[in-house]
Amino acid sequence: MDVPHVPEAEAPGPGFRGWWIAGGLGVTVAVAYGVLSYAFPVFIDPMSAELGWSQATITGAFSLATLIAGLAAVPAGIAVDRIGPRAVMVSGTLMGTLALVLWSQTASVGGFYLAAGLMGLAMATTFYEPAFAVAARWFSRFRGRALTVLTVVGGLSSIIFVPLASLLVEVHGWRPTLLVLGGVLAGVTLPIHGLLTRNAPEEVGLGTDGDHLAPTLPSPSDAALPRDPPPTSPPAASRGSFAWLAASFGMSAAVSTAIAIHFIPLLLERGYSLPVAGTLMGVLGLMALPGRLLIAPRMDRRSAVGVSGGVLAMMGVGLLVHTALPNSVGIWSFIVLFGAGAGVLTPARGALIAELYGSASYGTLSGALALPVALSRAAAPVGGSLLYAASGDYRTVLLALLALVGVSILFLRKVDSRAGKSD
C-alpha cells in the first residue's frame, strides 16, 4: 500500500520546536533504556557475590520487570491519551528513580522484586511508546524523519551505559552505582520531560509539522502530500487489521530477542572466542543506526507498512544466508542485513499506528501493541533454549526464526489489505 510519489515538501527548519522535542526525547529514551534495561547484566555477578543469590533469582527480577512493563503498557497508553504523554513520562521517571534507590538498599529478595516491579512500571512509561505518541502529534508529513532523530539518539543507549555502569561498579561498587544511575535518570530526563516537551504543537500555537493554525489555502504540492487519516476511536484495536499488526510485530520481536540472547552462544559453538563474539554482537547492535538513518526517513514518502515489509525481508535474507553459509561471509552478511532491518522496525512501529489509525487514540493503540511485543520478548529466550536443547545445534533455531519472519511478513500483508476497512 505505497503512497503515490508527490513533490518534496519543505521540512520545518532547525528552529522548529518539534525537532528539539524529538531529539530531547531520544536522549530520555537512551537514558531510560540504559539505566533500567541495558545496565542490568552488569549487576548480576557483584550482587550474587555479596548477597549469595543465584543468577536465576537475580535475572528473574528482570523477567518480572519486563512482564510488568508489557502488562502496564495498555493502561499507560490510555493515560497518554487522557492526560498527555508528558505527565506519564514524568511519573515514570520518578518511579524509575525510586526503583533504583530501593534496589541500591535491598537486602532481601522481596525488596529486590518490589524494586523490579517499579522498574517495570517505569519502563512502560519512559521507553519508546510515550515518546512516539509525542512525535505522532507533532509530525505528519515528516514523521519518518522525526522518528529517525528520536530512535538514532535513543539507539546510543547500550553503547554509553553498559561501559559506564561497568566502570562505576568496578570503582565504587554496585550499590553506589545504582544511586549514581538514579541521579542520572532524574537529572537528565525530568528537565526534558517537564520543561522542553509539549504534548502537541497546539500548546505553543502551531499546527502539525510547524504549520500555522490560521486557515490558509494549500499549495498544489501540499494538497497532494499524505496526511494522517481521520482519527479512529480506541475500538479500532479490536479490528482484524490491528490484530494482524500485533501478531506481526510480536513475532518479529521474538526473532530479534532470540537473536540478542543466543547470538553469542551460537558464535561460541562455531569456534569463535568470547571477545570476538562479544565484538560481533556489538557490531550487530550498531547496525541499527545506519538502518535508521538510511531507511526510516523513507516513511515520509512511502507507506510505513511497505517499509516494514521490506526490512522484515532484509532480516529474513540475513537469516537465510547465515544458515546456508556458517562462515565469516554468512555471519557478516547476517550482521549487516539483520541488524539494519531490525533497527528500522522500532521507528516503523511508531509510524504505523498513526499512519493506519490517526493520532487521536495513539497512546491506547500503542500500549495495546506493546503488550504482545513484550510477551514475545519474554518468551523468546526460553523458546530458543528449548529448541536448541531438543535439536542440539543452532541451525534448527535459525530455521525456526526464519519461518517466524516469513509468517510475520504474511501477517503484515494482511494489515496492508485490511487497514482502514471495517472488519
Protein backbone atom coordinates (compact mmCIF):
# COMPACT_ATOMS: atom_id res chain seq x y z
CA MET A 1 0.00 0.00 0.00
CA ASP A 2 2.52 2.62 -1.17
CA VAL A 3 1.71 6.30 -1.09
CA PRO A 4 1.95 7.81 -4.60
CA HIS A 5 5.07 9.84 -5.24
CA VAL A 6 4.49 13.52 -4.66
CA PRO A 7 6.69 16.60 -4.85
CA GLU A 8 9.05 17.05 -1.92
CA ALA A 9 7.75 19.50 0.66
CA GLU A 10 10.00 21.81 2.62
CA ALA A 11 10.58 20.48 6.11
CA PRO A 12 10.35 22.87 9.06
CA GLY A 13 13.68 24.48 9.89
CA PRO A 14 16.03 23.52 12.74
CA GLY A 15 14.38 26.13 14.96
CA PHE A 16 11.09 24.23 14.93
CA ARG A 17 10.43 23.04 18.47
CA GLY A 18 9.28 19.64 17.22
CA TRP A 19 12.82 18.72 16.15
CA TRP A 20 14.18 19.70 19.57
CA ILE A 21 11.50 17.66 21.28
CA ALA A 22 12.28 14.63 19.08
CA GLY A 23 16.00 14.89 19.86
CA GLY A 24 15.36 15.52 23.54
CA LEU A 25 13.07 12.51 23.83
CA GLY A 26 15.75 10.47 22.09
CA VAL A 27 18.06 11.44 24.96
CA THR A 28 15.47 10.48 27.59
CA VAL A 29 14.80 7.13 25.91
CA ALA A 30 18.55 6.44 25.72
CA VAL A 31 18.95 7.18 29.44
CA ALA A 32 15.85 5.21 30.46
CA TYR A 33 16.80 2.15 28.41
CA GLY A 34 20.42 2.35 29.52
CA VAL A 35 19.70 2.71 33.23
CA LEU A 36 16.66 0.45 33.56
CA SER A 37 17.48 -2.25 31.00
CA TYR A 38 20.90 -2.43 29.35
CA ALA A 39 22.90 -1.88 32.54
CA PHE A 40 21.11 -4.68 34.42
CA PRO A 41 23.53 -7.54 33.49
CA VAL A 42 26.42 -5.55 34.95
CA PHE A 43 24.96 -6.01 38.46
CA ILE A 44 24.37 -9.79 38.34
CA ASP A 45 27.82 -11.02 39.42
CA PRO A 46 28.53 -8.42 42.14
CA MET A 47 25.06 -8.87 43.64
CA SER A 48 25.45 -12.64 43.61
CA ALA A 49 28.88 -12.38 45.25
CA GLU A 50 27.68 -10.08 48.05
CA LEU A 51 24.20 -11.45 48.72
CA GLY A 52 24.72 -15.11 47.84
CA TRP A 53 21.74 -15.14 45.48
CA SER A 54 21.66 -17.37 42.42
CA GLN A 55 21.81 -15.97 38.92
CA ALA A 56 18.27 -17.24 38.33
CA THR A 57 17.00 -15.28 41.34
CA ILE A 58 18.58 -12.06 40.10
CA THR A 59 17.63 -12.40 36.43
CA GLY A 60 14.13 -13.44 37.48
CA ALA A 61 13.62 -9.89 38.73
CA PHE A 62 14.37 -8.56 35.26
CA SER A 63 11.90 -11.00 33.74
CA LEU A 64 9.31 -9.74 36.23
CA ALA A 65 10.06 -6.14 35.27
CA THR A 66 9.70 -6.98 31.57
CA LEU A 67 6.37 -8.74 32.17
CA ILE A 68 5.00 -5.86 34.24
CA ALA A 69 6.14 -3.40 31.59
CA GLY A 70 4.12 -5.30 28.99
CA LEU A 71 1.02 -5.52 31.16
CA ALA A 72 1.29 -1.85 32.18
CA ALA A 73 1.68 -0.69 28.57
CA VAL A 74 -2.09 -0.80 27.99
CA PRO A 75 -3.16 1.43 30.92
CA ALA A 76 -0.13 3.63 30.30
CA GLY A 77 -1.26 4.12 26.70
CA ILE A 78 -4.76 5.05 27.83
CA ALA A 79 -3.23 7.57 30.25
CA VAL A 80 -1.18 9.04 27.40
CA ASP A 81 -4.41 9.77 25.50
CA ARG A 82 -6.30 11.11 28.51
CA ILE A 83 -3.75 13.20 30.40
CA GLY A 84 -0.96 13.53 27.85
CA PRO A 85 2.43 11.83 27.40
CA ARG A 86 4.37 14.49 29.32
CA ALA A 87 2.70 13.72 32.66
CA VAL A 88 3.04 9.98 32.03
CA MET A 89 6.77 10.26 31.31
CA VAL A 90 7.44 12.49 34.33
CA SER A 91 5.64 9.97 36.56
CA GLY A 92 7.64 7.14 35.01
CA THR A 93 10.93 8.90 35.65
CA LEU A 94 10.03 9.37 39.32
CA MET A 95 9.07 5.68 39.65
CA GLY A 96 12.28 4.62 37.94
CA THR A 97 14.39 6.78 40.24
CA LEU A 98 12.62 5.37 43.29
CA ALA A 99 13.14 1.84 41.99
CA LEU A 100 16.90 2.38 41.66
CA VAL A 101 17.12 3.83 45.18
CA LEU A 102 15.22 0.84 46.60
CA TRP A 103 17.38 -1.55 44.60
CA SER A 104 20.56 0.05 45.96
CA GLN A 105 19.40 -0.59 49.53
CA THR A 106 18.00 -4.08 49.01
CA ALA A 107 18.89 -6.83 51.46
CA SER A 108 16.08 -9.28 50.68
CA VAL A 109 14.68 -10.95 47.59
CA GLY A 110 11.25 -9.49 48.34
CA GLY A 111 12.60 -5.94 48.42
CA PHE A 112 14.55 -6.53 45.22
CA TYR A 113 11.45 -7.80 43.42
CA LEU A 114 9.46 -4.82 44.67
CA ALA A 115 12.06 -2.56 43.08
CA ALA A 116 11.82 -4.65 39.90
CA GLY A 117 8.07 -4.14 39.83
CA LEU A 118 8.53 -0.37 39.98
CA MET A 119 11.14 -0.67 37.24
CA GLY A 120 8.58 -2.40 35.05
CA LEU A 121 6.12 0.45 35.52
CA ALA A 122 8.89 2.92 34.72
CA MET A 123 9.78 1.02 31.55
CA ALA A 124 6.19 1.20 30.33
CA THR A 125 6.11 4.97 30.84
CA THR A 126 9.60 6.12 29.80
CA PHE A 127 10.57 3.91 26.86
CA TYR A 128 9.66 4.46 23.21
CA GLU A 129 5.85 4.25 23.32
CA PRO A 130 5.01 7.57 25.04
CA ALA A 131 7.81 9.30 23.12
CA PHE A 132 6.33 8.01 19.84
CA ALA A 133 2.96 9.44 20.89
CA VAL A 134 4.53 12.90 21.15
CA ALA A 135 6.18 12.55 17.73
CA ALA A 136 2.88 11.41 16.20
CA ARG A 137 1.21 14.59 17.43
CA TRP A 138 3.94 16.98 16.33
CA PHE A 139 4.62 15.48 12.89
CA SER A 140 2.63 14.06 10.00
CA ARG A 141 4.37 14.66 6.65
CA PHE A 142 7.81 14.49 8.27
CA ARG A 143 7.08 11.84 10.89
CA GLY A 144 9.63 9.43 9.42
CA ARG A 145 12.40 11.98 9.88
CA ALA A 146 11.28 12.81 13.40
CA LEU A 147 11.23 9.13 14.39
CA THR A 148 14.66 8.72 12.82
CA VAL A 149 16.03 11.51 15.02
CA LEU A 150 14.38 10.03 18.11
CA THR A 151 15.47 6.43 17.54
CA VAL A 152 19.01 7.19 16.34
CA VAL A 153 19.71 9.15 19.52
CA GLY A 154 17.89 6.54 21.60
CA GLY A 155 19.89 3.79 19.90
CA LEU A 156 23.10 5.04 21.52
CA SER A 157 21.90 3.74 24.88
CA SER A 158 23.79 0.47 25.17
CA ILE A 159 26.99 1.96 23.79
CA ILE A 160 27.01 4.54 26.58
CA PHE A 161 25.51 2.90 29.64
CA VAL A 162 26.94 -0.62 29.64
CA PRO A 163 30.57 0.59 29.74
CA LEU A 164 29.63 3.42 32.13
CA ALA A 165 27.89 1.10 34.59
CA SER A 166 30.73 -1.43 34.35
CA LEU A 167 33.32 1.23 35.18
CA LEU A 168 31.30 2.63 38.08
CA VAL A 169 30.71 -0.82 39.60
CA GLU A 170 34.42 -1.63 39.35
CA VAL A 171 35.45 1.63 41.01
CA HIS A 172 32.65 2.28 43.52
CA GLY A 173 30.67 -0.95 43.90
CA TRP A 174 27.19 -1.85 42.77
CA ARG A 175 25.13 -0.03 45.43
CA PRO A 176 26.66 3.45 44.89
CA THR A 177 26.48 2.88 41.13
CA LEU A 178 22.72 2.40 41.32
CA LEU A 179 22.39 5.70 43.18
CA VAL A 180 24.51 7.45 40.55
CA LEU A 181 22.37 5.98 37.76
CA GLY A 182 19.23 7.05 39.59
CA GLY A 183 20.63 10.57 39.73
CA VAL A 184 21.40 10.47 36.01
CA LEU A 185 17.88 9.24 35.23
CA ALA A 186 16.22 12.03 37.24
CA GLY A 187 18.73 14.75 36.40
CA VAL A 188 18.66 14.24 32.63
CA THR A 189 15.12 13.15 31.86
CA LEU A 190 12.98 15.23 34.25
CA PRO A 191 14.01 18.60 32.74
CA ILE A 192 13.41 17.32 29.19
CA HIS A 193 10.07 15.73 30.00
CA GLY A 194 8.85 18.57 32.19
CA LEU A 195 10.29 21.70 30.57
CA LEU A 196 11.10 21.01 26.91
CA THR A 197 8.36 18.57 25.93
CA ARG A 198 4.86 19.67 24.99
CA ASN A 199 2.10 17.17 24.31
CA ALA A 200 1.08 18.75 20.99
CA PRO A 201 2.14 21.73 18.84
CA GLU A 202 -1.18 23.47 19.54
CA GLU A 203 0.11 24.16 23.05
CA VAL A 204 2.63 26.63 21.56
CA GLY A 205 0.35 28.00 18.83
CA LEU A 206 1.48 25.77 15.97
CA GLY A 207 -0.01 23.04 13.85
CA THR A 208 1.40 19.64 12.92
CA ASP A 209 4.77 19.90 11.11
CA GLY A 210 5.02 23.52 12.27
CA ASP A 211 2.14 24.66 10.07
CA HIS A 212 0.28 27.82 11.04
CA LEU A 213 -3.04 27.23 12.75
CA ALA A 214 -4.71 30.03 10.84
CA PRO A 215 -6.61 28.74 7.76
CA THR A 216 -4.60 29.11 4.56
CA LEU A 217 -5.07 27.94 1.01
CA PRO A 218 -2.90 24.88 0.43
CA SER A 219 -0.28 24.96 -2.29
CA PRO A 220 -0.64 22.40 -5.09
CA SER A 221 2.24 20.35 -3.68
CA ASP A 222 0.90 20.46 -0.11
CA ALA A 223 -2.52 19.36 -1.29
CA ALA A 224 -1.03 16.18 -2.72
CA LEU A 225 1.04 15.32 0.34
CA PRO A 226 -0.05 12.39 2.51
CA ARG A 227 -1.52 13.35 5.87
CA ASP A 228 -2.98 11.36 8.72
CA PRO A 229 -6.26 9.58 8.06
CA PRO A 230 -9.24 10.74 10.10
CA PRO A 231 -8.76 9.69 13.73
CA THR A 232 -10.32 6.45 14.77
CA SER A 233 -11.65 5.61 18.20
CA PRO A 234 -9.96 3.11 20.54
CA PRO A 235 -12.24 0.24 19.41
CA ALA A 236 -10.06 0.14 16.29
CA ALA A 237 -7.82 -2.08 18.42
CA SER A 238 -10.43 -4.83 18.08
CA ARG A 239 -10.35 -4.75 14.31
CA GLY A 240 -8.78 -7.57 12.42
CA SER A 241 -6.19 -5.23 10.90
CA PHE A 242 -4.85 -4.33 14.34
CA ALA A 243 -4.79 -7.99 15.39
CA TRP A 244 -2.68 -8.82 12.33
CA LEU A 245 -0.38 -5.89 13.12
CA ALA A 246 0.06 -7.04 16.73
CA ALA A 247 0.77 -10.62 15.64
CA SER A 248 3.31 -9.47 13.05
CA PHE A 249 5.25 -7.26 15.42
CA GLY A 250 5.01 -9.81 18.22
CA MET A 251 6.68 -12.43 16.02
CA SER A 252 9.36 -10.04 14.76
CA ALA A 253 10.09 -9.01 18.37
CA ALA A 254 10.50 -12.68 19.30
CA VAL A 255 13.01 -13.12 16.47
CA SER A 256 15.05 -10.04 17.45
CA THR A 257 15.11 -11.01 21.12
CA ALA A 258 16.08 -14.61 20.42
CA ILE A 259 18.99 -13.38 18.33
CA ALA A 260 20.05 -10.92 21.04
CA ILE A 261 20.18 -13.71 23.62
CA HIS A 262 21.55 -16.56 21.51
CA PHE A 263 23.91 -14.92 19.00
CA ILE A 264 26.97 -15.11 21.27
CA PRO A 265 26.38 -18.79 22.23
CA LEU A 266 25.89 -19.53 18.52
CA LEU A 267 29.25 -17.94 17.68
CA LEU A 268 30.95 -19.80 20.53
CA GLU A 269 29.53 -23.05 19.16
CA ARG A 270 31.12 -22.22 15.80
CA GLY A 271 34.56 -21.77 17.37
CA TYR A 272 34.79 -18.01 17.92
CA SER A 273 36.38 -16.74 21.11
CA LEU A 274 34.28 -14.85 23.65
CA PRO A 275 35.95 -11.46 22.96
CA VAL A 276 35.39 -11.83 19.22
CA ALA A 277 31.81 -13.00 19.75
CA GLY A 278 31.13 -10.03 22.02
CA THR A 279 32.57 -7.64 19.44
CA LEU A 280 30.42 -9.11 16.67
CA MET A 281 27.37 -8.79 18.92
CA GLY A 282 28.21 -5.13 19.44
CA VAL A 283 28.51 -4.55 15.70
CA LEU A 284 25.13 -6.23 15.18
CA GLY A 285 23.58 -3.71 17.56
CA LEU A 286 25.37 -0.78 15.94
CA MET A 287 23.94 -1.69 12.52
CA ALA A 288 20.58 -0.40 13.76
CA LEU A 289 21.90 3.16 13.46
CA PRO A 290 22.71 3.22 9.71
CA GLY A 291 19.49 1.28 9.11
CA ARG A 292 17.50 4.00 10.84
CA LEU A 293 19.41 6.81 9.16
CA LEU A 294 19.13 5.41 5.63
CA ILE A 295 15.79 3.60 5.61
CA ALA A 296 13.48 5.07 8.25
CA PRO A 297 13.19 8.53 6.60
CA ARG A 298 11.59 6.83 3.59
CA MET A 299 8.44 6.55 5.68
CA ASP A 300 7.87 10.26 4.92
CA ARG A 301 7.27 9.39 1.25
CA ARG A 302 6.31 5.71 1.35
CA SER A 303 3.90 3.65 3.39
CA ALA A 304 5.26 2.53 6.74
CA VAL A 305 3.63 -0.83 6.03
CA GLY A 306 5.71 -1.20 2.88
CA VAL A 307 8.91 -0.12 4.63
CA SER A 308 8.23 -2.58 7.45
CA GLY A 309 7.70 -5.41 4.99
CA GLY A 310 10.95 -4.52 3.25
CA VAL A 311 13.05 -4.56 6.42
CA LEU A 312 11.45 -7.83 7.55
CA ALA A 313 12.53 -9.27 4.21
CA MET A 314 16.06 -7.97 4.88
CA MET A 315 16.06 -9.77 8.21
CA GLY A 316 14.84 -12.95 6.55
CA VAL A 317 17.55 -12.83 3.89
CA GLY A 318 20.15 -12.28 6.59
CA LEU A 319 18.93 -15.35 8.50
CA LEU A 320 18.85 -17.42 5.31
CA VAL A 321 22.43 -16.51 4.36
CA HIS A 322 23.61 -17.09 7.91
CA THR A 323 22.01 -20.55 7.91
CA ALA A 324 23.33 -21.52 4.49
CA LEU A 325 26.84 -20.11 4.98
CA PRO A 326 28.08 -20.80 8.53
CA ASN A 327 31.32 -18.92 7.85
CA SER A 328 32.56 -15.34 8.08
CA VAL A 329 30.79 -14.33 4.85
CA GLY A 330 27.46 -15.58 6.16
CA ILE A 331 27.97 -14.02 9.58
CA TRP A 332 28.89 -10.57 8.24
CA SER A 333 26.04 -10.67 5.73
CA PHE A 334 23.71 -11.52 8.58
CA ILE A 335 25.07 -8.73 10.78
CA VAL A 336 24.55 -6.09 8.08
CA LEU A 337 21.14 -7.22 6.81
CA PHE A 338 19.54 -8.35 10.06
CA GLY A 339 20.98 -5.56 12.19
CA ALA A 340 19.89 -2.78 9.85
CA GLY A 341 16.45 -4.30 9.29
CA ALA A 342 15.73 -4.93 12.96
CA GLY A 343 16.81 -1.38 13.79
CA VAL A 344 14.21 0.11 11.46
CA LEU A 345 11.34 -1.87 12.99
CA THR A 346 11.40 0.33 16.09
CA PRO A 347 10.60 3.65 14.33
CA ALA A 348 8.34 1.76 11.91
CA ARG A 349 6.21 0.59 14.83
CA GLY A 350 5.91 4.19 15.91
CA ALA A 351 4.84 5.36 12.45
CA LEU A 352 2.43 2.56 11.60
CA ILE A 353 -0.20 3.32 14.24
CA ALA A 354 -0.50 6.96 13.23
CA GLU A 355 -0.48 6.07 9.54
CA LEU A 356 -3.22 3.46 9.83
CA TYR A 357 -5.41 4.86 12.61
CA GLY A 358 -4.50 8.53 13.09
CA SER A 359 -3.06 10.12 16.23
CA ALA A 360 -6.18 10.75 18.36
CA SER A 361 -6.04 7.35 20.12
CA TYR A 362 -2.34 6.80 19.55
CA GLY A 363 -1.41 6.10 23.17
CA THR A 364 -4.14 3.50 23.67
CA LEU A 365 -3.30 1.64 20.48
CA SER A 366 0.44 1.91 21.08
CA GLY A 367 0.02 0.37 24.53
CA ALA A 368 -2.11 -2.42 23.09
CA LEU A 369 0.59 -3.13 20.52
CA ALA A 370 3.35 -3.06 23.14
CA LEU A 371 1.73 -5.89 25.14
CA PRO A 372 2.22 -8.74 22.60
CA VAL A 373 5.67 -7.37 21.79
CA ALA A 374 6.67 -7.53 25.47
CA LEU A 375 5.22 -11.01 25.95
CA SER A 376 7.06 -12.27 22.87
CA ARG A 377 10.30 -10.80 24.15
CA ALA A 378 9.79 -12.56 27.47
CA ALA A 379 9.09 -15.93 25.82
CA ALA A 380 11.72 -15.86 23.05
CA PRO A 381 14.87 -16.63 25.10
CA VAL A 382 13.28 -19.70 26.71
CA GLY A 383 11.80 -20.88 23.43
CA GLY A 384 15.15 -20.63 21.69
CA SER A 385 16.86 -22.52 24.51
CA LEU A 386 14.29 -25.33 24.44
CA LEU A 387 14.58 -25.70 20.68
CA TYR A 388 18.35 -25.77 20.89
CA ALA A 389 18.22 -28.39 23.64
CA ALA A 390 15.89 -30.55 21.55
CA SER A 391 17.87 -30.26 18.29
CA GLY A 392 21.43 -29.99 19.56
CA ASP A 393 22.50 -27.23 17.16
CA TYR A 394 21.67 -23.63 16.32
CA ARG A 395 20.90 -24.28 12.66
CA THR A 396 17.46 -25.53 13.69
CA VAL A 397 16.94 -22.41 15.79
CA LEU A 398 17.87 -20.18 12.84
CA LEU A 399 15.47 -22.02 10.54
CA ALA A 400 12.67 -21.61 13.09
CA LEU A 401 13.40 -17.88 13.34
CA LEU A 402 13.42 -17.63 9.55
CA ALA A 403 9.97 -19.24 9.50
CA LEU A 404 8.74 -16.71 12.06
CA VAL A 405 9.97 -13.85 9.90
CA GLY A 406 8.10 -15.32 6.93
CA VAL A 407 4.87 -15.57 8.92
CA SER A 408 5.40 -12.04 10.23
CA ILE A 409 5.58 -10.75 6.63
CA LEU A 410 2.39 -12.63 5.72
CA PHE A 411 0.57 -11.12 8.70
CA LEU A 412 1.81 -7.66 7.76
CA ARG A 413 0.36 -8.13 4.27
CA LYS A 414 -2.99 -8.75 5.96
CA VAL A 415 -2.60 -5.37 7.65
CA ASP A 416 -1.87 -3.81 4.28
CA SER A 417 -5.07 -5.15 2.73
CA ARG A 418 -7.41 -4.63 5.71
CA ALA A 419 -6.30 -1.32 7.28
CA GLY A 420 -8.95 1.34 7.21
CA LYS A 421 -11.74 -1.13 6.46
CA SER A 422 -14.46 -2.38 8.72
CA ASP A 423 -13.81 -5.93 9.79
